């Protein structure tokens, strides 16, 4: 859950608000958001910073640093890239890129989503 919210915040930088051509996660960009703890009144503030570029499997990736590890237990360093309206993240356990978002998805088509070890068909309205 935290990962999806975290990455949604990142994607807002990709989509922009009416901008047609915006660079995904330019170096130096920072995203800040607040989130409640599960079953707790405590609220934490999280930050994600774009700190540079690297190449993984011939893909020009952005290096994103989170200020802490969330409940998803993913490392604080993420590698992401965008291509043709899609955003991918590098899954270190699988040693491959996984699609996070597809902004070009057509209405009425189902999206196959991997949720942990479970597969779920999610209909898009």
C-alpha atoms as a PDB file:
ATOM      1  CA  UNK A   1       0.000   0.000   0.000  1.00  0.00           C
ATOM      2  CA  UNK A   2       2.777   2.413   0.921  1.00  0.00           C
ATOM      3  CA  UNK A   3       4.641   1.559  -2.257  1.00  0.00           C
ATOM      4  CA  UNK A   4       1.664   2.375  -4.438  1.00  0.00           C
ATOM      5  CA  UNK A   5       1.114   5.713  -2.705  1.00  0.00           C
ATOM      6  CA  UNK A   6       4.810   6.478  -2.846  1.00  0.00           C
ATOM      7  CA  UNK A   7       5.046   5.675  -6.504  1.00  0.00           C
ATOM      8  CA  UNK A   8       1.844   7.551  -7.271  1.00  0.00           C
ATOM      9  CA  UNK A   9       3.503  10.663  -5.891  1.00  0.00           C
ATOM     10  CA  UNK A  10       6.470  10.001  -8.165  1.00  0.00           C
ATOM     11  CA  UNK A  11       4.248   9.580 -11.166  1.00  0.00           C
ATOM     12  CA  UNK A  12       2.649  12.954 -10.593  1.00  0.00           C
ATOM     13  CA  UNK A  13       5.999  14.355 -11.624  1.00  0.00           C
ATOM     14  CA  UNK A  14       5.737  12.371 -14.856  1.00  0.00           C
ATOM     15  CA  UNK A  15       2.185  13.304 -15.709  1.00  0.00           C
ATOM     16  CA  UNK A  16       2.341  16.934 -14.627  1.00  0.00           C
ATOM     17  CA  UNK A  17      -0.688  19.148 -14.688  1.00  0.00           C
ATOM     18  CA  UNK A  18      -1.341  19.773 -18.344  1.00  0.00           C
ATOM     19  CA  UNK A  19       2.290  19.534 -19.427  1.00  0.00           C
ATOM     20  CA  UNK A  20       2.810  17.542 -22.594  1.00  0.00           C
ATOM     21  CA  UNK A  21       6.563  17.028 -22.429  1.00  0.00           C
ATOM     22  CA  UNK A  22       8.001  16.782 -18.966  1.00  0.00           C
ATOM     23  CA  UNK A  23      11.144  14.962 -17.914  1.00  0.00           C
ATOM     24  CA  UNK A  24      10.499  12.073 -15.532  1.00  0.00           C
ATOM     25  CA  UNK A  25      12.098  12.631 -12.124  1.00  0.00           C
ATOM     26  CA  UNK A  26      14.656  15.303 -13.022  1.00  0.00           C
ATOM     27  CA  UNK A  27      17.754  15.193 -10.832  1.00  0.00           C
ATOM     28  CA  UNK A  28      17.196  17.373  -7.782  1.00  0.00           C
ATOM     29  CA  UNK A  29      13.405  16.915  -7.700  1.00  0.00           C
ATOM     30  CA  UNK A  30      11.920  16.115  -4.288  1.00  0.00           C
ATOM     31  CA  UNK A  31       8.489  14.731  -3.429  1.00  0.00           C
ATOM     32  CA  UNK A  32       7.090  14.988   0.102  1.00  0.00           C
ATOM     33  CA  UNK A  33       3.924  13.374   1.423  1.00  0.00           C
ATOM     34  CA  UNK A  34       2.352  12.401   4.756  1.00  0.00           C
ATOM     35  CA  UNK A  35       0.907   9.010   5.620  1.00  0.00           C
ATOM     36  CA  UNK A  36      -0.840   7.496   8.603  1.00  0.00           C
ATOM     37  CA  UNK A  37       0.541   4.405  10.269  1.00  0.00           C
ATOM     38  CA  UNK A  38      -1.691   1.344   9.997  1.00  0.00           C
ATOM     39  CA  UNK A  39      -4.076   1.186  12.965  1.00  0.00           C
ATOM     40  CA  UNK A  40      -2.367   4.131  14.652  1.00  0.00           C
ATOM     41  CA  UNK A  41      -2.990   7.863  14.988  1.00  0.00           C
ATOM     42  CA  UNK A  42       0.666   8.576  14.123  1.00  0.00           C
ATOM     43  CA  UNK A  43       1.497  10.358  10.876  1.00  0.00           C
ATOM     44  CA  UNK A  44       4.922  10.279   9.226  1.00  0.00           C
ATOM     45  CA  UNK A  45       6.322  12.524   6.535  1.00  0.00           C
ATOM     46  CA  UNK A  46       8.129  10.774   3.713  1.00  0.00           C
ATOM     47  CA  UNK A  47      10.499  12.241   1.158  1.00  0.00           C
ATOM     48  CA  UNK A  48      11.704  10.906  -2.160  1.00  0.00           C
ATOM     49  CA  UNK A  49      14.597  12.569  -3.974  1.00  0.00           C
ATOM     50  CA  UNK A  50      15.842  12.100  -7.495  1.00  0.00           C
ATOM     51  CA  UNK A  51      19.610  12.013  -7.001  1.00  0.00           C
ATOM     52  CA  UNK A  52      21.010  10.971 -10.367  1.00  0.00           C
ATOM     53  CA  UNK A  53      21.012   8.669 -13.362  1.00  0.00           C
ATOM     54  CA  UNK A  54      22.369   5.218 -14.069  1.00  0.00           C
ATOM     55  CA  UNK A  55      22.101   2.561 -16.750  1.00  0.00           C
ATOM     56  CA  UNK A  56      20.653  -0.864 -15.925  1.00  0.00           C
ATOM     57  CA  UNK A  57      20.102  -3.468 -18.646  1.00  0.00           C
ATOM     58  CA  UNK A  58      20.623  -0.774 -21.305  1.00  0.00           C
ATOM     59  CA  UNK A  59      17.880   1.429 -19.803  1.00  0.00           C
ATOM     60  CA  UNK A  60      18.595   5.018 -18.748  1.00  0.00           C
ATOM     61  CA  UNK A  61      17.204   5.026 -15.184  1.00  0.00           C
ATOM     62  CA  UNK A  62      16.626   7.623 -12.508  1.00  0.00           C
ATOM     63  CA  UNK A  63      17.963   6.931  -9.021  1.00  0.00           C
ATOM     64  CA  UNK A  64      15.352   7.750  -6.384  1.00  0.00           C
ATOM     65  CA  UNK A  65      16.103   7.761  -2.655  1.00  0.00           C
ATOM     66  CA  UNK A  66      13.423   7.379   0.018  1.00  0.00           C
ATOM     67  CA  UNK A  67      14.076   8.730   3.503  1.00  0.00           C
ATOM     68  CA  UNK A  68      12.997   5.431   5.101  1.00  0.00           C
ATOM     69  CA  UNK A  69      11.931   1.878   4.351  1.00  0.00           C
ATOM     70  CA  UNK A  70       8.162   1.478   4.358  1.00  0.00           C
ATOM     71  CA  UNK A  71       6.020  -1.484   5.282  1.00  0.00           C
ATOM     72  CA  UNK A  72       6.699  -2.934   1.820  1.00  0.00           C
ATOM     73  CA  UNK A  73      10.312  -3.512   3.001  1.00  0.00           C
ATOM     74  CA  UNK A  74      11.733  -2.328  -0.334  1.00  0.00           C
ATOM     75  CA  UNK A  75      15.182  -0.795  -0.240  1.00  0.00           C
ATOM     76  CA  UNK A  76      15.346   2.997   0.087  1.00  0.00           C
ATOM     77  CA  UNK A  77      17.038   3.239  -3.329  1.00  0.00           C
ATOM     78  CA  UNK A  78      14.755   2.737  -6.362  1.00  0.00           C
ATOM     79  CA  UNK A  79      15.680   2.666 -10.047  1.00  0.00           C
ATOM     80  CA  UNK A  80      12.945   3.778 -12.443  1.00  0.00           C
ATOM     81  CA  UNK A  81      12.527   4.804 -16.055  1.00  0.00           C
ATOM     82  CA  UNK A  82       9.681   5.881 -18.304  1.00  0.00           C
ATOM     83  CA  UNK A  83       9.021   5.014 -21.926  1.00  0.00           C
ATOM     84  CA  UNK A  84       6.001   5.696 -24.154  1.00  0.00           C
ATOM     85  CA  UNK A  85       3.628   6.565 -21.304  1.00  0.00           C
ATOM     86  CA  UNK A  86       4.726   3.642 -19.125  1.00  0.00           C
ATOM     87  CA  UNK A  87       6.773   3.736 -15.910  1.00  0.00           C
ATOM     88  CA  UNK A  88       8.965   0.806 -14.864  1.00  0.00           C
ATOM     89  CA  UNK A  89      10.848   0.029 -11.648  1.00  0.00           C
ATOM     90  CA  UNK A  90      13.773  -2.357 -11.208  1.00  0.00           C
ATOM     91  CA  UNK A  91      12.925  -5.380  -9.078  1.00  0.00           C
ATOM     92  CA  UNK A  92      16.221  -6.437  -7.464  1.00  0.00           C
ATOM     93  CA  UNK A  93      14.870  -9.837  -6.395  1.00  0.00           C
ATOM     94  CA  UNK A  94      13.879 -10.714  -9.981  1.00  0.00           C
ATOM     95  CA  UNK A  95      16.735  -8.823 -11.644  1.00  0.00           C
ATOM     96  CA  UNK A  96      14.285  -7.339 -14.127  1.00  0.00           C
ATOM     97  CA  UNK A  97      12.097  -4.310 -14.728  1.00  0.00           C
ATOM     98  CA  UNK A  98       8.428  -4.449 -13.786  1.00  0.00           C
ATOM     99  CA  UNK A  99       5.772  -2.108 -15.139  1.00  0.00           C
ATOM    100  CA  UNK A 100       4.351   0.153 -12.474  1.00  0.00           C
ATOM    101  CA  UNK A 101       1.995   2.357 -14.511  1.00  0.00           C
ATOM    102  CA  UNK A 102       0.701   2.387 -18.064  1.00  0.00           C
ATOM    103  CA  UNK A 103      -0.823   5.755 -18.841  1.00  0.00           C
ATOM    104  CA  UNK A 104      -1.633   4.594 -22.377  1.00  0.00           C
ATOM    105  CA  UNK A 105      -3.923   1.747 -21.201  1.00  0.00           C
ATOM    106  CA  UNK A 106      -7.249   1.745 -23.044  1.00  0.00           C
ATOM    107  CA  UNK A 107     -10.595   1.761 -21.244  1.00  0.00           C
ATOM    108  CA  UNK A 108     -12.344  -1.599 -21.005  1.00  0.00           C
ATOM    109  CA  UNK A 109      -9.109  -3.596 -21.045  1.00  0.00           C
ATOM    110  CA  UNK A 110      -8.043  -5.652 -18.047  1.00  0.00           C
ATOM    111  CA  UNK A 111      -4.738  -5.016 -16.382  1.00  0.00           C
ATOM    112  CA  UNK A 112      -2.856  -8.009 -15.042  1.00  0.00           C
ATOM    113  CA  UNK A 113      -1.308  -6.919 -11.766  1.00  0.00           C
ATOM    114  CA  UNK A 114       1.124  -8.826  -9.627  1.00  0.00           C
ATOM    115  CA  UNK A 115       0.306  -8.281  -5.965  1.00  0.00           C
ATOM    116  CA  UNK A 116       3.008 -10.022  -3.988  1.00  0.00           C
ATOM    117  CA  UNK A 117       2.677 -13.646  -5.080  1.00  0.00           C
ATOM    118  CA  UNK A 118      -1.002 -13.283  -6.021  1.00  0.00           C
ATOM    119  CA  UNK A 119      -2.253 -12.510  -9.507  1.00  0.00           C
ATOM    120  CA  UNK A 120      -5.378 -10.415  -9.848  1.00  0.00           C
ATOM    121  CA  UNK A 121      -7.312  -9.236 -12.866  1.00  0.00           C
ATOM    122  CA  UNK A 122      -8.240  -5.595 -12.423  1.00  0.00           C
ATOM    123  CA  UNK A 123     -10.894  -4.302 -14.849  1.00  0.00           C
ATOM    124  CA  UNK A 124     -10.309  -0.750 -15.997  1.00  0.00           C
ATOM    125  CA  UNK A 125     -13.477   1.308 -16.251  1.00  0.00           C
END
